[in-house]
């Protein structure tokens, strides 16, 4: 089955200008342009994946392909990068649209609020208004998913799935207590050595290091992961992380309550970013909600080694929704 997914499912890479920032979009399935559909067989629904931080779509490809297969290959699955987390390779064409807003119009594009505006701009310019949406957010992508529901109620989102959701008290979590001083106070001290050490490396050396690391971790690699060693991208990821620690504090109960029928939460039992205590609290506050606790000890970074297990679960959760399409 792994060989089937790897060889037969098409994944198309595009770089588009969104809010004035080059943005990587990986599109799973044969549909690459939903606005100007050449085949005349436009699907009725798009599954849209918002990654965690760092927002490298390449790491989510195995999950997207497994989910595409598990949902009978009926609907496109797109993964978007965060603004400033991926740079287009030299010579790669960057697509533009007349409707793209300028970067100046989005304040702090690489920050928490700017990233929300970035995703909203993409959905409004790249996806037909009438197309139904399933939004899957992972980690801080879950926070962005809730913000999309809050600020764009006109979007036809039929389901929002929040995987290992970092939507509250991030700095108080076990990993947050360690990351907060590093990201909020010491990150500036790390910028200079980051640039001095990584910027001079030739692309061949970076590619070799990344390939060896992925092989050691037994992680599939189909698209370039050079951005994981690109100082500009790492600095932006650290900046976003610092805002997460400072601003993702209080759970947005009002938005959750308003959109409760659309939401599915999935918490881990060994998650240092959103511990079981957070699951217990939200379950108590919303006893009628679809809030699930992992029984398989799947880690927060499920995309590395547990992508198939999570894809199968998500496909099962979506079975009723997709059967109506």
Protein backbone atom coordinates (compact mmCIF):
# COMPACT_ATOMS: atom_id res chain seq x y z
CA UNK A 1 0.00 0.00 0.00
CA UNK A 2 2.85 2.41 0.76
CA UNK A 3 4.28 1.77 -2.70
CA UNK A 4 0.88 2.43 -4.25
CA UNK A 5 0.57 5.77 -2.47
CA UNK A 6 4.09 6.79 -3.37
CA UNK A 7 3.92 5.91 -7.05
CA UNK A 8 0.34 6.52 -8.14
CA UNK A 9 -0.96 9.59 -6.35
CA UNK A 10 0.02 12.83 -8.11
CA UNK A 11 1.25 15.72 -5.99
CA UNK A 12 1.72 19.05 -7.75
CA UNK A 13 3.94 21.81 -6.33
CA UNK A 14 3.15 25.47 -6.87
CA UNK A 15 4.54 28.72 -5.57
CA UNK A 16 2.09 31.60 -5.56
CA UNK A 17 2.27 35.17 -4.36
CA UNK A 18 -0.14 35.46 -1.45
CA UNK A 19 -0.30 38.73 0.51
CA UNK A 20 2.86 39.68 -1.36
CA UNK A 21 4.76 36.66 0.03
CA UNK A 22 5.86 33.63 -1.97
CA UNK A 23 3.89 30.67 -0.68
CA UNK A 24 4.32 26.96 -1.35
CA UNK A 25 1.18 24.95 -2.01
CA UNK A 26 1.33 21.18 -2.48
CA UNK A 27 -1.74 19.81 -4.24
CA UNK A 28 -2.62 16.15 -3.89
CA UNK A 29 -4.77 14.75 -6.68
CA UNK A 30 -5.24 15.69 -10.35
CA UNK A 31 -6.89 19.06 -9.65
CA UNK A 32 -4.37 21.91 -9.77
CA UNK A 33 -6.63 24.88 -10.59
CA UNK A 34 -10.05 24.96 -8.96
CA UNK A 35 -10.89 28.45 -10.21
CA UNK A 36 -10.24 27.76 -13.91
CA UNK A 37 -10.92 24.06 -14.05
CA UNK A 38 -9.87 22.87 -17.49
CA UNK A 39 -11.51 19.46 -17.23
CA UNK A 40 -14.98 20.66 -16.39
CA UNK A 41 -15.19 18.15 -13.54
CA UNK A 42 -14.65 20.43 -10.60
CA UNK A 43 -14.88 18.60 -7.26
CA UNK A 44 -17.45 19.80 -4.76
CA UNK A 45 -15.08 19.90 -1.80
CA UNK A 46 -11.48 20.76 -0.91
CA UNK A 47 -9.58 19.32 2.04
CA UNK A 48 -7.23 22.07 3.21
CA UNK A 49 -4.31 21.28 5.55
CA UNK A 50 -2.74 24.00 7.71
CA UNK A 51 0.55 22.78 9.20
CA UNK A 52 2.10 23.40 12.57
CA UNK A 53 5.23 25.47 13.14
CA UNK A 54 7.48 25.38 11.21
CA UNK A 55 5.05 25.35 8.32
CA UNK A 56 6.88 23.09 5.86
CA UNK A 57 4.25 21.39 3.61
CA UNK A 58 6.76 18.79 2.37
CA UNK A 59 6.58 16.98 5.71
CA UNK A 60 2.78 16.62 5.35
CA UNK A 61 2.84 14.97 1.91
CA UNK A 62 2.79 11.35 3.20
CA UNK A 63 -0.19 12.23 5.42
CA UNK A 64 -2.01 13.97 2.56
CA UNK A 65 -1.43 11.04 0.20
CA UNK A 66 -2.58 8.51 2.78
CA UNK A 67 -5.70 10.60 3.45
CA UNK A 68 -6.35 11.01 -0.28
CA UNK A 69 -6.20 7.25 -0.70
CA UNK A 70 -8.36 6.62 2.38
CA UNK A 71 -11.04 9.01 1.09
CA UNK A 72 -11.26 7.09 -2.22
CA UNK A 73 -9.37 9.76 -4.18
CA UNK A 74 -12.54 11.77 -4.66
CA UNK A 75 -11.41 15.18 -3.40
CA UNK A 76 -8.30 17.35 -3.71
CA UNK A 77 -6.10 17.77 -0.65
CA UNK A 78 -3.98 20.93 -0.52
CA UNK A 79 -1.26 21.85 1.97
CA UNK A 80 -0.22 25.48 2.38
CA UNK A 81 3.03 26.80 3.83
CA UNK A 82 3.14 29.56 6.39
CA UNK A 83 4.21 32.97 5.13
CA UNK A 84 7.99 33.23 5.19
CA UNK A 85 8.61 29.56 6.01
CA UNK A 86 9.39 28.39 2.47
CA UNK A 87 11.39 30.06 -0.27
CA UNK A 88 10.95 29.16 -3.92
CA UNK A 89 13.98 27.44 -5.51
CA UNK A 90 16.05 29.56 -7.82
CA UNK A 91 14.36 29.81 -11.20
CA UNK A 92 11.01 28.48 -9.96
CA UNK A 93 8.02 30.33 -11.41
CA UNK A 94 5.93 32.17 -8.85
CA UNK A 95 2.28 32.53 -9.86
CA UNK A 96 0.45 35.79 -9.24
CA UNK A 97 -3.19 36.81 -9.25
CA UNK A 98 -4.73 40.21 -9.78
CA UNK A 99 -6.72 39.75 -6.58
CA UNK A 100 -3.68 39.22 -4.34
CA UNK A 101 -3.48 41.85 -1.63
CA UNK A 102 -0.22 43.65 -1.07
CA UNK A 103 2.06 42.71 1.81
CA UNK A 104 1.75 46.26 3.13
CA UNK A 105 -1.96 45.68 3.70
CA UNK A 106 -1.27 42.79 6.07
CA UNK A 107 0.38 44.01 9.23
CA UNK A 108 3.09 41.73 10.59
CA UNK A 109 2.64 39.09 7.88
CA UNK A 110 5.06 36.65 9.57
CA UNK A 111 3.36 36.94 12.95
CA UNK A 112 0.35 35.14 14.40
CA UNK A 113 -2.35 37.48 13.09
CA UNK A 114 -0.59 37.93 9.75
CA UNK A 115 -0.51 34.17 9.20
CA UNK A 116 -4.29 34.04 9.67
CA UNK A 117 -4.76 36.80 7.08
CA UNK A 118 -2.40 34.91 4.79
CA UNK A 119 -4.59 31.77 4.90
CA UNK A 120 -7.79 33.77 4.47
CA UNK A 121 -6.36 35.56 1.43
CA UNK A 122 -5.45 32.23 -0.14
CA UNK A 123 -8.88 30.70 0.40
CA UNK A 124 -10.61 33.80 -0.96
CA UNK A 125 -8.49 34.06 -4.11
CA UNK A 126 -7.60 30.45 -4.94
CA UNK A 127 -10.74 28.50 -4.05
CA UNK A 128 -14.21 28.97 -5.61
CA UNK A 129 -16.59 30.68 -3.21
CA UNK A 130 -19.17 27.92 -3.43
CA UNK A 131 -16.72 25.07 -2.84
CA UNK A 132 -17.20 23.24 0.45
CA UNK A 133 -14.19 23.11 2.75
CA UNK A 134 -12.78 20.66 5.25
CA UNK A 135 -9.98 22.36 7.17
CA UNK A 136 -7.45 20.21 9.00
CA UNK A 137 -5.23 22.11 11.39
CA UNK A 138 -2.26 20.57 13.15
CA UNK A 139 -0.77 22.13 16.28
CA UNK A 140 -0.80 25.93 15.76
CA UNK A 141 -2.64 25.21 12.53
CA UNK A 142 -5.58 24.37 14.78
CA UNK A 143 -5.46 27.89 16.20
CA UNK A 144 -5.45 29.27 12.64
CA UNK A 145 -8.42 27.03 11.80
CA UNK A 146 -10.46 28.51 14.64
CA UNK A 147 -9.45 32.02 13.59
CA UNK A 148 -10.64 31.31 10.04
CA UNK A 149 -14.04 30.25 11.39
CA UNK A 150 -14.15 33.38 13.53
CA UNK A 151 -13.13 35.95 10.94
CA UNK A 152 -14.61 34.40 7.78
CA UNK A 153 -18.00 32.90 8.64
CA UNK A 154 -18.96 33.26 4.96
CA UNK A 155 -16.57 30.48 3.94
CA UNK A 156 -18.47 27.18 3.42
CA UNK A 157 -16.53 25.15 6.00
CA UNK A 158 -18.44 21.96 6.74
CA UNK A 159 -15.84 20.43 9.08
CA UNK A 160 -12.77 21.61 10.94
CA UNK A 161 -10.50 18.96 12.44
CA UNK A 162 -8.01 20.10 15.08
CA UNK A 163 -5.16 17.62 15.52
CA UNK A 164 -3.07 17.98 18.69
CA UNK A 165 -4.45 21.51 19.00
CA UNK A 166 -2.29 24.22 20.54
CA UNK A 167 -5.15 26.63 21.16
CA UNK A 168 -4.47 27.68 24.76
CA UNK A 169 -1.81 28.21 27.43
CA UNK A 170 1.10 27.33 25.19
CA UNK A 171 3.74 28.86 27.43
CA UNK A 172 2.39 26.89 30.42
CA UNK A 173 2.63 23.50 28.70
CA UNK A 174 5.61 21.26 29.51
CA UNK A 175 7.35 22.05 26.21
CA UNK A 176 6.18 25.64 26.31
CA UNK A 177 7.98 26.25 29.59
CA UNK A 178 11.20 25.22 27.89
CA UNK A 179 10.51 26.97 24.58
CA UNK A 180 9.31 30.31 25.96
CA UNK A 181 12.66 31.67 27.17
CA UNK A 182 14.37 30.29 24.07
CA UNK A 183 11.91 31.84 21.61
CA UNK A 184 10.98 35.02 23.46
CA UNK A 185 14.26 36.11 25.03
CA UNK A 186 17.17 34.21 23.51
CA UNK A 187 16.17 33.94 19.86
CA UNK A 188 17.97 37.15 18.90
CA UNK A 189 21.22 35.69 20.21
CA UNK A 190 20.68 32.67 17.97
CA UNK A 191 20.04 34.66 14.78
CA UNK A 192 23.67 35.62 14.17
CA UNK A 193 25.19 32.13 14.55
CA UNK A 194 22.28 30.76 12.51
CA UNK A 195 23.13 33.04 9.60
CA UNK A 196 26.89 32.63 10.02
CA UNK A 197 26.73 28.84 10.14
CA UNK A 198 24.01 28.02 7.61
CA UNK A 199 24.01 30.85 5.06
CA UNK A 200 27.42 29.98 3.53
CA UNK A 201 26.55 26.30 3.06
CA UNK A 202 26.15 25.32 -0.60
CA UNK A 203 22.77 23.82 -1.51
CA UNK A 204 24.41 20.46 -2.22
CA UNK A 205 25.73 20.26 1.34
CA UNK A 206 22.37 21.28 2.82
CA UNK A 207 20.59 18.73 0.65
CA UNK A 208 23.01 15.99 1.71
CA UNK A 209 22.60 16.77 5.43
CA UNK A 210 18.81 16.82 5.15
CA UNK A 211 18.71 13.60 3.13
CA UNK A 212 20.88 11.80 5.68
CA UNK A 213 18.74 13.09 8.58
CA UNK A 214 15.51 11.99 6.92
CA UNK A 215 16.94 8.58 6.13
CA UNK A 216 18.02 8.12 9.74
CA UNK A 217 14.49 8.97 10.88
CA UNK A 218 12.93 6.84 8.12
CA UNK A 219 10.88 9.79 6.84
CA UNK A 220 9.70 9.83 3.20
CA UNK A 221 11.02 12.71 1.12
CA UNK A 222 9.49 13.78 -2.18
CA UNK A 223 9.95 17.54 -2.25
CA UNK A 224 12.88 19.74 -1.34
CA UNK A 225 13.34 20.33 2.38
CA UNK A 226 16.17 22.84 1.99
CA UNK A 227 14.11 25.44 3.84
CA UNK A 228 14.69 23.52 7.07
CA UNK A 229 18.27 24.86 6.91
CA UNK A 230 17.48 28.27 5.41
CA UNK A 231 18.16 31.03 8.00
CA UNK A 232 15.42 33.33 6.68
CA UNK A 233 12.80 30.60 7.13
CA UNK A 234 14.10 29.47 10.52
CA UNK A 235 14.09 33.05 11.83
CA UNK A 236 10.48 33.50 10.71
CA UNK A 237 9.50 30.20 12.34
CA UNK A 238 11.15 31.30 15.59
CA UNK A 239 9.41 34.69 15.41
CA UNK A 240 6.03 33.02 14.95
CA UNK A 241 6.86 30.68 17.84
CA UNK A 242 7.60 33.63 20.11
CA UNK A 243 4.18 35.10 19.37
CA UNK A 244 2.54 31.73 20.00
CA UNK A 245 4.07 31.64 23.48
CA UNK A 246 2.92 35.18 24.26
CA UNK A 247 -0.50 35.31 22.61
CA UNK A 248 -1.98 31.81 22.57
CA UNK A 249 -3.13 31.94 26.16
CA UNK A 250 -6.90 31.85 26.60
CA UNK A 251 -8.97 29.30 24.74
CA UNK A 252 -11.49 30.99 22.41
CA UNK A 253 -14.59 29.43 23.92
CA UNK A 254 -16.91 31.84 22.11
CA UNK A 255 -15.76 30.72 18.66
CA UNK A 256 -15.73 27.06 19.72
CA UNK A 257 -19.30 27.35 21.02
CA UNK A 258 -20.52 29.09 17.86
CA UNK A 259 -19.03 26.46 15.53
CA UNK A 260 -19.21 23.42 17.79
CA UNK A 261 -21.12 21.14 15.34
CA UNK A 262 -18.32 21.57 12.78
CA UNK A 263 -15.43 20.83 15.13
CA UNK A 264 -13.52 17.65 15.95
CA UNK A 265 -10.69 17.85 18.49
CA UNK A 266 -8.00 15.20 18.82
CA UNK A 267 -5.67 15.32 21.83
CA UNK A 268 -2.66 13.18 22.63
CA UNK A 269 -1.88 11.40 25.88
CA UNK A 270 1.87 12.08 25.62
CA UNK A 271 1.75 15.58 24.12
CA UNK A 272 4.06 18.12 25.71
CA UNK A 273 2.40 21.01 23.86
CA UNK A 274 -1.23 20.31 24.78
CA UNK A 275 -1.19 17.89 27.71
CA UNK A 276 -4.07 15.69 28.82
CA UNK A 277 -5.03 18.31 31.37
CA UNK A 278 -6.08 20.57 28.48
CA UNK A 279 -8.22 17.75 27.08
CA UNK A 280 -9.86 17.21 30.47
CA UNK A 281 -10.65 20.91 30.79
CA UNK A 282 -12.17 21.40 27.36
CA UNK A 283 -14.13 18.16 27.69
CA UNK A 284 -15.57 19.46 30.95
CA UNK A 285 -16.46 22.83 29.41
CA UNK A 286 -17.98 21.27 26.26
CA UNK A 287 -19.27 17.82 27.25
CA UNK A 288 -21.44 17.62 24.11
CA UNK A 289 -18.53 18.34 21.73
CA UNK A 290 -16.66 15.82 19.58
CA UNK A 291 -13.43 15.82 21.58
CA UNK A 292 -11.30 12.69 21.33
CA UNK A 293 -8.31 11.42 23.25
CA UNK A 294 -5.66 9.38 21.47
CA UNK A 295 -5.51 5.76 22.61
CA UNK A 296 -2.46 4.85 20.54
CA UNK A 297 0.20 7.07 22.12
CA UNK A 298 0.67 8.93 18.84
CA UNK A 299 3.12 11.83 19.33
CA UNK A 300 2.45 15.49 18.60
CA UNK A 301 4.60 15.32 15.45
CA UNK A 302 2.49 12.51 13.98
CA UNK A 303 3.48 13.43 10.41
CA UNK A 304 6.91 11.86 10.88
CA UNK A 305 6.00 8.24 11.62
CA UNK A 306 2.27 7.96 12.30
CA UNK A 307 0.80 9.70 9.27
CA UNK A 308 -1.08 6.62 8.04
CA UNK A 309 -2.76 5.92 11.39
CA UNK A 310 -3.97 9.51 11.67
CA UNK A 311 -5.05 9.62 8.01
CA UNK A 312 -7.18 6.51 8.48
CA UNK A 313 -8.82 7.99 11.57
CA UNK A 314 -9.53 11.31 9.85
CA UNK A 315 -11.00 9.54 6.82
CA UNK A 316 -13.31 7.61 9.13
CA UNK A 317 -14.42 10.81 10.88
CA UNK A 318 -15.19 12.39 7.50
CA UNK A 319 -17.06 9.41 6.09
CA UNK A 320 -20.55 10.82 6.67
CA UNK A 321 -19.65 14.31 5.48
CA UNK A 322 -18.01 13.10 2.28
CA UNK A 323 -20.81 10.68 1.47
CA UNK A 324 -23.11 13.68 1.02
CA UNK A 325 -20.87 15.31 -1.58
